[in-house]
Amino acid sequence: MKKVSFSNAVLKNIAYLTMFIDHFFAVVFTEFIWQYSASGAETDRLLSIRSAGRAIGRISFILFAFLAVESFIHTRSRRNYLLRLGLFAFVSEIPFDLAFSKKWIDRNSQNIFFTLFLGVLVLVVWEWAAKNLHMLARSRARRDAVWYLCDGIFRGVQIGSVLLGCAAAYWLSTDYKYMGVLLIFVLYLMRRRPFVLKMILAGCVMLFGMWSINYLKYADIYSVSYLFRFSMRELYGLFAFLPIALYDGTKGRQLPKAVCYGFYPAHLLVLYGIARTVSGM
């Protein structure tokens, strides 16, 4: 019996599908609930359906974070990879703002490509410093004050890259904020570690990352315990590790890069158009 395995392309397709489900319920179904509620109808059941749909969507970012690490490791040009992420971050911003804020420009939230860009940028700087540390460790130079100074500088660059990446994500209000950057970083560090350990650490990052983000934003409105319970919905994303466990490391039959990257802004525009139609009913 042939063993079931998933290629990189299959993981991408699962990520796209779960993302579409998430965004459908966040944009279109939410608009439908608003219209239904305006008529005075009961919406509790609809809200439960919406929560279930959005729970499925938690899977998508775990997969995108994992795939970002894979692309970082295997890409022929990390510079070009960063440029593509940065380009589509700006291309996707207006569709993202229209879909989620109903504004052309919303400075209070930025799309997921900004999070992916910052996460990969952290990895680029981290590996640059790691290579210099490796060269320093193998050098025959006497371990004097200068050697220890250089060692400290490169280690400081590593730590600083993570802290600055997280701070930038929070300041820019990117999707998932610093939790997203930390998740990419943890998946990178744990890529050769036991699968269970990788999943546990990812779950901790998602839960406590979103809890802290929600606390910083809503501490004066909701209790700490409520925010913790609310943040636990991120743990639905751990189901992403089911297809990841079947990942065989192969590339698979990939769609053109323009299609892969362009799906994000395109589907947001489509969902925004559908939501506008629903609101006009």
C-alpha atoms as a PDB file:
ATOM      1  CA  MET A   1       0.000   0.000   0.000  1.00  0.00           C
ATOM      2  CA  LYS A   2       1.421   3.365  -1.048  1.00  0.00           C
ATOM      3  CA  LYS A   3       2.226   5.712   1.813  1.00  0.00           C
ATOM      4  CA  VAL A   4       0.299   9.001   1.783  1.00  0.00           C
ATOM      5  CA  SER A   5       2.530  12.063   1.508  1.00  0.00           C
ATOM      6  CA  PHE A   6       2.079  15.736   0.693  1.00  0.00           C
ATOM      7  CA  SER A   7       4.324  17.905  -1.444  1.00  0.00           C
ATOM      8  CA  ASN A   8       5.005  21.598  -0.957  1.00  0.00           C
ATOM      9  CA  ALA A   9       2.373  22.365  -3.603  1.00  0.00           C
ATOM     10  CA  VAL A  10      -0.287  20.350  -1.739  1.00  0.00           C
ATOM     11  CA  LEU A  11       0.434  22.216   1.510  1.00  0.00           C
ATOM     12  CA  LYS A  12       0.046  25.504  -0.374  1.00  0.00           C
ATOM     13  CA  ASN A  13      -3.310  24.419  -1.765  1.00  0.00           C
ATOM     14  CA  ILE A  14      -4.527  23.477   1.720  1.00  0.00           C
ATOM     15  CA  ALA A  15      -3.301  26.838   3.013  1.00  0.00           C
ATOM     16  CA  TYR A  16      -5.138  28.699   0.234  1.00  0.00           C
ATOM     17  CA  LEU A  17      -8.345  26.739   0.817  1.00  0.00           C
ATOM     18  CA  THR A  18      -8.403  27.254   4.591  1.00  0.00           C
ATOM     19  CA  MET A  19      -7.513  30.929   4.133  1.00  0.00           C
ATOM     20  CA  PHE A  20     -10.383  31.372   1.686  1.00  0.00           C
ATOM     21  CA  ILE A  21     -12.795  29.728   4.145  1.00  0.00           C
ATOM     22  CA  ASP A  22     -11.555  32.011   6.934  1.00  0.00           C
ATOM     23  CA  HIS A  23     -11.889  35.153   4.832  1.00  0.00           C
ATOM     24  CA  PHE A  24     -15.293  34.131   3.463  1.00  0.00           C
ATOM     25  CA  PHE A  25     -16.693  33.923   6.976  1.00  0.00           C
ATOM     26  CA  ALA A  26     -14.813  37.053   8.106  1.00  0.00           C
ATOM     27  CA  VAL A  27     -15.960  39.212   5.187  1.00  0.00           C
ATOM     28  CA  VAL A  28     -19.047  37.840   3.424  1.00  0.00           C
ATOM     29  CA  PHE A  29     -20.725  35.833   6.179  1.00  0.00           C
ATOM     30  CA  THR A  30     -20.150  38.606   8.718  1.00  0.00           C
ATOM     31  CA  GLU A  31     -21.880  41.077   6.382  1.00  0.00           C
ATOM     32  CA  PHE A  32     -24.760  38.634   6.001  1.00  0.00           C
ATOM     33  CA  ILE A  33     -25.070  38.422   9.811  1.00  0.00           C
ATOM     34  CA  TRP A  34     -25.141  42.203  10.062  1.00  0.00           C
ATOM     35  CA  GLN A  35     -27.943  42.420   7.498  1.00  0.00           C
ATOM     36  CA  TYR A  36     -29.847  39.582   9.152  1.00  0.00           C
ATOM     37  CA  SER A  37     -29.465  41.192  12.568  1.00  0.00           C
ATOM     38  CA  ALA A  38     -30.701  44.525  11.241  1.00  0.00           C
ATOM     39  CA  SER A  39     -34.013  42.861  10.426  1.00  0.00           C
ATOM     40  CA  GLY A  40     -34.405  41.906  14.089  1.00  0.00           C
ATOM     41  CA  ALA A  41     -33.754  38.195  13.575  1.00  0.00           C
ATOM     42  CA  GLU A  42     -31.888  35.980  16.056  1.00  0.00           C
ATOM     43  CA  THR A  43     -28.236  35.498  15.044  1.00  0.00           C
ATOM     44  CA  ASP A  44     -26.796  33.180  17.725  1.00  0.00           C
ATOM     45  CA  ARG A  45     -26.739  30.151  15.422  1.00  0.00           C
ATOM     46  CA  LEU A  46     -25.184  32.185  12.621  1.00  0.00           C
ATOM     47  CA  LEU A  47     -22.495  33.457  14.968  1.00  0.00           C
ATOM     48  CA  SER A  48     -21.668  29.871  15.952  1.00  0.00           C
ATOM     49  CA  ILE A  49     -21.343  28.927  12.274  1.00  0.00           C
ATOM     50  CA  ARG A  50     -19.111  31.950  11.725  1.00  0.00           C
ATOM     51  CA  SER A  51     -16.884  30.932  14.641  1.00  0.00           C
ATOM     52  CA  ALA A  52     -16.545  27.429  13.209  1.00  0.00           C
ATOM     53  CA  GLY A  53     -15.599  28.803   9.802  1.00  0.00           C
ATOM     54  CA  ARG A  54     -13.001  31.117  11.245  1.00  0.00           C
ATOM     55  CA  ALA A  55     -11.614  28.295  13.385  1.00  0.00           C
ATOM     56  CA  ILE A  56     -10.849  26.402  10.169  1.00  0.00           C
ATOM     57  CA  GLY A  57      -8.987  29.480   9.007  1.00  0.00           C
ATOM     58  CA  ARG A  58      -6.550  29.270  11.929  1.00  0.00           C
ATOM     59  CA  ILE A  59      -4.922  26.410  10.036  1.00  0.00           C
ATOM     60  CA  SER A  60      -3.875  28.607   7.131  1.00  0.00           C
ATOM     61  CA  PHE A  61      -1.335  30.848   8.833  1.00  0.00           C
ATOM     62  CA  ILE A  62       0.511  27.919  10.426  1.00  0.00           C
ATOM     63  CA  LEU A  63       0.899  26.458   6.951  1.00  0.00           C
ATOM     64  CA  PHE A  64       1.982  29.773   5.436  1.00  0.00           C
ATOM     65  CA  ALA A  65       4.533  30.267   8.223  1.00  0.00           C
ATOM     66  CA  PHE A  66       5.877  26.741   7.674  1.00  0.00           C
ATOM     67  CA  LEU A  67       6.018  27.280   3.902  1.00  0.00           C
ATOM     68  CA  ALA A  68       7.788  30.619   4.390  1.00  0.00           C
ATOM     69  CA  VAL A  69      10.543  28.808   6.296  1.00  0.00           C
ATOM     70  CA  GLU A  70      10.738  26.152   3.576  1.00  0.00           C
ATOM     71  CA  SER A  71      11.001  28.818   0.876  1.00  0.00           C
ATOM     72  CA  PHE A  72      13.650  30.669   2.856  1.00  0.00           C
ATOM     73  CA  ILE A  73      15.754  27.508   3.128  1.00  0.00           C
ATOM     74  CA  HIS A  74      15.360  26.295  -0.458  1.00  0.00           C
ATOM     75  CA  THR A  75      14.983  29.455  -2.552  1.00  0.00           C
ATOM     76  CA  ARG A  76      17.710  30.253  -5.060  1.00  0.00           C
ATOM     77  CA  SER A  77      17.670  33.935  -4.135  1.00  0.00           C
ATOM     78  CA  ARG A  78      16.600  35.125  -0.704  1.00  0.00           C
ATOM     79  CA  ARG A  79      16.834  38.706  -1.909  1.00  0.00           C
ATOM     80  CA  ASN A  80      14.303  38.035  -4.672  1.00  0.00           C
ATOM     81  CA  TYR A  81      12.094  36.143  -2.240  1.00  0.00           C
ATOM     82  CA  LEU A  82      12.047  39.133   0.099  1.00  0.00           C
ATOM     83  CA  LEU A  83      11.363  41.476  -2.822  1.00  0.00           C
ATOM     84  CA  ARG A  84       8.352  39.381  -3.885  1.00  0.00           C
ATOM     85  CA  LEU A  85       6.955  39.383  -0.350  1.00  0.00           C
ATOM     86  CA  GLY A  86       7.475  43.143  -0.051  1.00  0.00           C
ATOM     87  CA  LEU A  87       5.946  43.851  -3.470  1.00  0.00           C
ATOM     88  CA  PHE A  88       2.796  41.845  -2.812  1.00  0.00           C
ATOM     89  CA  ALA A  89       2.519  43.329   0.669  1.00  0.00           C
ATOM     90  CA  PHE A  90       1.915  46.703  -0.967  1.00  0.00           C
ATOM     91  CA  VAL A  91      -0.166  45.272  -3.831  1.00  0.00           C
ATOM     92  CA  SER A  92      -2.450  43.489  -1.365  1.00  0.00           C
ATOM     93  CA  GLU A  93      -2.947  46.332   1.078  1.00  0.00           C
ATOM     94  CA  ILE A  94      -5.877  48.076  -0.627  1.00  0.00           C
ATOM     95  CA  PRO A  95      -7.794  44.798  -1.239  1.00  0.00           C
ATOM     96  CA  PHE A  96      -7.104  43.838   2.387  1.00  0.00           C
ATOM     97  CA  ASP A  97      -8.341  47.156   3.745  1.00  0.00           C
ATOM     98  CA  LEU A  98     -11.444  47.132   1.534  1.00  0.00           C
ATOM     99  CA  ALA A  99     -12.352  43.600   2.587  1.00  0.00           C
ATOM    100  CA  PHE A 100     -11.807  43.976   6.323  1.00  0.00           C
ATOM    101  CA  SER A 101     -12.224  47.694   7.008  1.00  0.00           C
ATOM    102  CA  LYS A 102     -14.350  48.848   4.046  1.00  0.00           C
ATOM    103  CA  LYS A 103     -11.783  51.616   3.540  1.00  0.00           C
ATOM    104  CA  TRP A 104      -9.286  52.217   0.761  1.00  0.00           C
ATOM    105  CA  ILE A 105      -6.546  52.792   3.319  1.00  0.00           C
ATOM    106  CA  ASP A 106      -6.631  51.641   6.929  1.00  0.00           C
ATOM    107  CA  ARG A 107      -3.428  52.400   8.797  1.00  0.00           C
ATOM    108  CA  ASN A 108      -4.573  50.390  11.808  1.00  0.00           C
ATOM    109  CA  SER A 109      -4.071  47.009  10.121  1.00  0.00           C
ATOM    110  CA  GLN A 110      -1.716  45.630   7.471  1.00  0.00           C
ATOM    111  CA  ASN A 111      -2.008  42.413   5.495  1.00  0.00           C
ATOM    112  CA  ILE A 112      -0.283  39.091   6.105  1.00  0.00           C
ATOM    113  CA  PHE A 113       2.429  39.672   3.499  1.00  0.00           C
ATOM    114  CA  PHE A 114       3.944  42.319   5.780  1.00  0.00           C
ATOM    115  CA  THR A 115       4.130  39.721   8.569  1.00  0.00           C
ATOM    116  CA  LEU A 116       5.738  37.165   6.261  1.00  0.00           C
ATOM    117  CA  PHE A 117       8.200  39.782   4.998  1.00  0.00           C
ATOM    118  CA  LEU A 118       9.273  40.726   8.517  1.00  0.00           C
ATOM    119  CA  GLY A 119       9.515  37.080   9.582  1.00  0.00           C
ATOM    120  CA  VAL A 120      11.733  36.136   6.636  1.00  0.00           C
ATOM    121  CA  LEU A 121      13.818  39.296   7.087  1.00  0.00           C
ATOM    122  CA  VAL A 122      14.505  38.210  10.670  1.00  0.00           C
ATOM    123  CA  LEU A 123      15.700  34.829   9.357  1.00  0.00           C
ATOM    124  CA  VAL A 124      17.995  36.497   6.804  1.00  0.00           C
ATOM    125  CA  VAL A 125      19.683  38.616   9.471  1.00  0.00           C
ATOM    126  CA  TRP A 126      19.795  35.707  11.940  1.00  0.00           C
ATOM    127  CA  GLU A 127      21.567  33.417   9.472  1.00  0.00           C
ATOM    128  CA  TRP A 128      23.993  36.157   8.412  1.00  0.00           C
ATOM    129  CA  ALA A 129      25.050  36.603  12.042  1.00  0.00           C
ATOM    130  CA  ALA A 130      25.110  32.806  12.572  1.00  0.00           C
ATOM    131  CA  LYS A 131      27.540  32.350   9.664  1.00  0.00           C
ATOM    132  CA  ASN A 132      29.811  35.023  11.096  1.00  0.00           C
ATOM    133  CA  LEU A 133      29.679  33.349  14.512  1.00  0.00           C
ATOM    134  CA  HIS A 134      30.588  30.037  12.885  1.00  0.00           C
ATOM    135  CA  MET A 135      33.541  31.609  11.077  1.00  0.00           C
ATOM    136  CA  LEU A 136      34.626  33.298  14.284  1.00  0.00           C
ATOM    137  CA  ALA A 137      34.453  30.021  16.232  1.00  0.00           C
ATOM    138  CA  ARG A 138      36.566  28.219  13.623  1.00  0.00           C
ATOM    139  CA  SER A 139      39.135  30.970  13.303  1.00  0.00           C
ATOM    140  CA  ARG A 140      42.584  30.502  14.799  1.00  0.00           C
ATOM    141  CA  ALA A 141      42.538  33.975  16.264  1.00  0.00           C
ATOM    142  CA  ARG A 142      43.403  34.211  19.933  1.00  0.00           C
ATOM    143  CA  ARG A 143      40.308  34.558  22.079  1.00  0.00           C
ATOM    144  CA  ASP A 144      41.103  37.956  23.432  1.00  0.00           C
ATOM    145  CA  ALA A 145      38.895  40.948  24.196  1.00  0.00           C
ATOM    146  CA  VAL A 146      38.400  41.729  20.488  1.00  0.00           C
ATOM    147  CA  TRP A 147      37.277  38.146  19.772  1.00  0.00           C
ATOM    148  CA  TYR A 148      34.727  38.228  22.578  1.00  0.00           C
ATOM    149  CA  LEU A 149      33.556  41.668  21.462  1.00  0.00           C
ATOM    150  CA  CYS A 150      32.894  40.383  17.931  1.00  0.00           C
ATOM    151  CA  ASP A 151      31.169  37.316  19.334  1.00  0.00           C
ATOM    152  CA  GLY A 152      28.939  39.515  21.487  1.00  0.00           C
ATOM    153  CA  ILE A 153      28.128  41.827  18.580  1.00  0.00           C
ATOM    154  CA  PHE A 154      26.966  39.005  16.302  1.00  0.00           C
ATOM    155  CA  ARG A 155      24.896  37.422  19.062  1.00  0.00           C
ATOM    156  CA  GLY A 156      23.413  40.821  19.793  1.00  0.00           C
ATOM    157  CA  VAL A 157      22.519  41.195  16.116  1.00  0.00           C
ATOM    158  CA  GLN A 158      20.663  37.877  16.259  1.00  0.00           C
ATOM    159  CA  ILE A 159      18.655  38.800  19.338  1.00  0.00           C
ATOM    160  CA  GLY A 160      18.108  42.334  18.067  1.00  0.00           C
ATOM    161  CA  SER A 161      16.763  41.100  14.720  1.00  0.00           C
ATOM    162  CA  VAL A 162      14.052  39.074  16.466  1.00  0.00           C
ATOM    163  CA  LEU A 163      13.116  41.891  18.845  1.00  0.00           C
ATOM    164  CA  LEU A 164      13.062  44.530  16.099  1.00  0.00           C
ATOM    165  CA  GLY A 165      11.058  42.264  13.787  1.00  0.00           C
ATOM    166  CA  CYS A 166       8.456  41.718  16.493  1.00  0.00           C
ATOM    167  CA  ALA A 167       8.381  45.414  17.386  1.00  0.00           C
ATOM    168  CA  ALA A 168       7.929  46.391  13.725  1.00  0.00           C
ATOM    169  CA  ALA A 169       5.059  43.912  13.324  1.00  0.00           C
ATOM    170  CA  TYR A 170       3.336  45.310  16.410  1.00  0.00           C
ATOM    171  CA  TRP A 171       3.934  48.953  15.476  1.00  0.00           C
ATOM    172  CA  LEU A 172       2.683  48.405  11.918  1.00  0.00           C
ATOM    173  CA  SER A 173      -0.268  46.310  13.173  1.00  0.00           C
ATOM    174  CA  THR A 174       0.420  43.549  10.681  1.00  0.00           C
ATOM    175  CA  ASP A 175      -1.869  40.527  10.597  1.00  0.00           C
ATOM    176  CA  TYR A 176      -1.022  38.359  13.651  1.00  0.00           C
ATOM    177  CA  LYS A 177       1.435  41.080  14.714  1.00  0.00           C
ATOM    178  CA  TYR A 178       4.534  39.823  16.563  1.00  0.00           C
ATOM    179  CA  MET A 179       2.984  36.411  17.128  1.00  0.00           C
ATOM    180  CA  GLY A 180       3.316  35.794  13.398  1.00  0.00           C
ATOM    181  CA  VAL A 181       6.974  36.806  13.327  1.00  0.00           C
ATOM    182  CA  LEU A 182       7.735  34.658  16.377  1.00  0.00           C
ATOM    183  CA  LEU A 183       5.942  31.667  14.870  1.00  0.00           C
ATOM    184  CA  ILE A 184       8.042  31.841  11.698  1.00  0.00           C
ATOM    185  CA  PHE A 185      11.190  32.155  13.808  1.00  0.00           C
ATOM    186  CA  VAL A 186      10.264  29.207  16.065  1.00  0.00           C
ATOM    187  CA  LEU A 187       9.409  26.966  13.099  1.00  0.00           C
ATOM    188  CA  TYR A 188      12.801  27.854  11.631  1.00  0.00           C
ATOM    189  CA  LEU A 189      14.702  27.064  14.841  1.00  0.00           C
ATOM    190  CA  MET A 190      12.734  23.835  15.413  1.00  0.00           C
ATOM    191  CA  ARG A 191      12.906  22.531  11.828  1.00  0.00           C
ATOM    192  CA  ARG A 192      15.254  19.680  12.793  1.00  0.00           C
ATOM    193  CA  ARG A 193      13.762  19.076  16.226  1.00  0.00           C
ATOM    194  CA  PRO A 194      11.260  16.316  17.117  1.00  0.00           C
ATOM    195  CA  PHE A 195       7.863  16.883  15.551  1.00  0.00           C
ATOM    196  CA  VAL A 196       5.971  16.877  18.860  1.00  0.00           C
ATOM    197  CA  LEU A 197       8.295  19.498  20.359  1.00  0.00           C
ATOM    198  CA  LYS A 198       7.838  21.676  17.287  1.00  0.00           C
ATOM    199  CA  MET A 199       4.050  21.462  17.591  1.00  0.00           C
ATOM    200  CA  ILE A 200       4.053  22.198  21.340  1.00  0.00           C
ATOM    201  CA  LEU A 201       6.247  25.277  20.950  1.00  0.00           C
ATOM    202  CA  ALA A 202       4.168  26.520  18.027  1.00  0.00           C
ATOM    203  CA  GLY A 203       1.040  26.134  20.151  1.00  0.00           C
ATOM    204  CA  CYS A 204       2.634  28.090  22.997  1.00  0.00           C
ATOM    205  CA  VAL A 205       3.650  30.885  20.642  1.00  0.00           C
ATOM    206  CA  MET A 206       0.144  31.090  19.169  1.00  0.00           C
ATOM    207  CA  LEU A 207      -1.672  30.988  22.491  1.00  0.00           C
ATOM    208  CA  PHE A 208       0.507  33.264  24.606  1.00  0.00           C
ATOM    209  CA  GLY A 209       1.396  35.491  21.662  1.00  0.00           C
ATOM    210  CA  MET A 210      -2.231  36.284  20.864  1.00  0.00           C
ATOM    211  CA  TRP A 211      -3.110  36.478  24.553  1.00  0.00           C
ATOM    212  CA  SER A 212      -0.502  39.179  25.108  1.00  0.00           C
ATOM    213  CA  ILE A 213      -1.570  41.023  21.949  1.00  0.00           C
ATOM    214  CA  ASN A 214      -5.225  40.963  22.996  1.00  0.00           C
ATOM    215  CA  TYR A 215      -4.269  42.027  26.516  1.00  0.00           C
ATOM    216  CA  LEU A 216      -2.350  45.049  25.233  1.00  0.00           C
ATOM    217  CA  LYS A 217      -5.355  46.050  23.148  1.00  0.00           C
ATOM    218  CA  TYR A 218      -8.331  45.146  25.347  1.00  0.00           C
ATOM    219  CA  ALA A 219      -7.052  45.073  28.949  1.00  0.00           C
ATOM    220  CA  ASP A 220      -9.286  47.989  29.924  1.00  0.00           C
ATOM    221  CA  ILE A 221     -12.376  46.275  28.482  1.00  0.00           C
ATOM    222  CA  TYR A 222     -12.087  42.539  29.192  1.00  0.00           C
ATOM    223  CA  SER A 223     -10.654  40.481  32.026  1.00  0.00           C
ATOM    224  CA  VAL A 224      -7.365  38.617  31.730  1.00  0.00           C
ATOM    225  CA  SER A 225      -9.104  35.227  32.018  1.00  0.00           C
ATOM    226  CA  TYR A 226     -11.617  36.091  29.290  1.00  0.00           C
ATOM    227  CA  LEU A 227      -8.846  37.214  26.951  1.00  0.00           C
ATOM    228  CA  PHE A 228      -6.978  33.969  27.629  1.00  0.00           C
ATOM    229  CA  ARG A 229     -10.053  31.884  26.801  1.00  0.00           C
ATOM    230  CA  PHE A 230     -10.681  33.959  23.692  1.00  0.00           C
ATOM    231  CA  SER A 231      -7.068  33.500  22.553  1.00  0.00           C
ATOM    232  CA  MET A 232      -7.377  29.719  22.873  1.00  0.00           C
ATOM    233  CA  ARG A 233      -9.173  29.655  19.513  1.00  0.00           C
ATOM    234  CA  GLU A 234      -5.727  30.039  17.924  1.00  0.00           C
ATOM    235  CA  LEU A 235      -5.006  26.460  18.969  1.00  0.00           C
ATOM    236  CA  TYR A 236      -7.312  25.252  16.202  1.00  0.00           C
ATOM    237  CA  GLY A 237      -4.342  26.092  14.015  1.00  0.00           C
ATOM    238  CA  LEU A 238      -2.523  23.065  15.419  1.00  0.00           C
ATOM    239  CA  PHE A 239      -4.559  20.925  13.008  1.00  0.00           C
ATOM    240  CA  ALA A 240      -2.157  22.299  10.398  1.00  0.00           C
ATOM    241  CA  PHE A 241       0.424  19.890  11.745  1.00  0.00           C
ATOM    242  CA  LEU A 242      -1.578  16.968  10.358  1.00  0.00           C
ATOM    243  CA  PRO A 243      -0.674  17.787   6.728  1.00  0.00           C
ATOM    244  CA  ILE A 244       2.759  19.009   7.839  1.00  0.00           C
ATOM    245  CA  ALA A 245       3.403  15.573   9.347  1.00  0.00           C
ATOM    246  CA  LEU A 246       2.801  14.092   5.874  1.00  0.00           C
ATOM    247  CA  TYR A 247       5.106  16.563   4.141  1.00  0.00           C
ATOM    248  CA  ASP A 248       7.703  14.695   2.070  1.00  0.00           C
ATOM    249  CA  GLY A 249       9.968  17.644   1.257  1.00  0.00           C
ATOM    250  CA  THR A 250       9.267  17.536  -2.476  1.00  0.00           C
ATOM    251  CA  LYS A 251       8.282  20.585  -4.480  1.00  0.00           C
ATOM    252  CA  GLY A 252       5.326  19.091  -6.330  1.00  0.00           C
ATOM    253  CA  ARG A 253       3.534  20.622  -9.268  1.00  0.00           C
ATOM    254  CA  GLN A 254       3.657  24.331  -8.521  1.00  0.00           C
ATOM    255  CA  LEU A 255       1.468  27.035 -10.005  1.00  0.00           C
ATOM    256  CA  PRO A 256       3.236  30.085 -11.477  1.00  0.00           C
ATOM    257  CA  LYS A 257       4.527  32.438  -8.770  1.00  0.00           C
ATOM    258  CA  ALA A 258       2.311  35.265 -10.041  1.00  0.00           C
ATOM    259  CA  VAL A 259      -0.766  33.067  -9.521  1.00  0.00           C
ATOM    260  CA  CYS A 260       0.328  31.932  -6.049  1.00  0.00           C
ATOM    261  CA  TYR A 261       1.054  35.439  -4.831  1.00  0.00           C
ATOM    262  CA  GLY A 262      -1.782  37.070  -6.760  1.00  0.00           C
ATOM    263  CA  PHE A 263      -4.436  34.787  -5.269  1.00  0.00           C
ATOM    264  CA  TYR A 264      -4.310  36.711  -1.988  1.00  0.00           C
ATOM    265  CA  PRO A 265      -5.280  40.194  -3.255  1.00  0.00           C
ATOM    266  CA  ALA A 266      -7.565  38.749  -5.952  1.00  0.00           C
ATOM    267  CA  HIS A 267      -9.698  36.670  -3.603  1.00  0.00           C
ATOM    268  CA  LEU A 268     -10.001  39.581  -1.163  1.00  0.00           C
ATOM    269  CA  LEU A 269     -11.365  41.794  -3.932  1.00  0.00           C
ATOM    270  CA  VAL A 270     -13.838  39.090  -4.940  1.00  0.00           C
ATOM    271  CA  LEU A 271     -15.041  38.632  -1.359  1.00  0.00           C
ATOM    272  CA  TYR A 272     -15.331  42.403  -0.926  1.00  0.00           C
ATOM    273  CA  GLY A 273     -17.485  42.565  -4.061  1.00  0.00           C
ATOM    274  CA  ILE A 274     -19.731  39.764  -2.791  1.00  0.00           C
ATOM    275  CA  ALA A 275     -20.046  41.468   0.609  1.00  0.00           C
ATOM    276  CA  ARG A 276     -21.060  44.731  -1.103  1.00  0.00           C
ATOM    277  CA  THR A 277     -23.725  42.814  -2.995  1.00  0.00           C
ATOM    278  CA  VAL A 278     -25.001  41.259   0.224  1.00  0.00           C
ATOM    279  CA  SER A 279     -25.115  44.662   1.944  1.00  0.00           C
ATOM    280  CA  GLY A 280     -27.189  46.055  -0.910  1.00  0.00           C
ATOM    281  CA  MET A 281     -29.848  43.363  -0.692  1.00  0.00           C
END
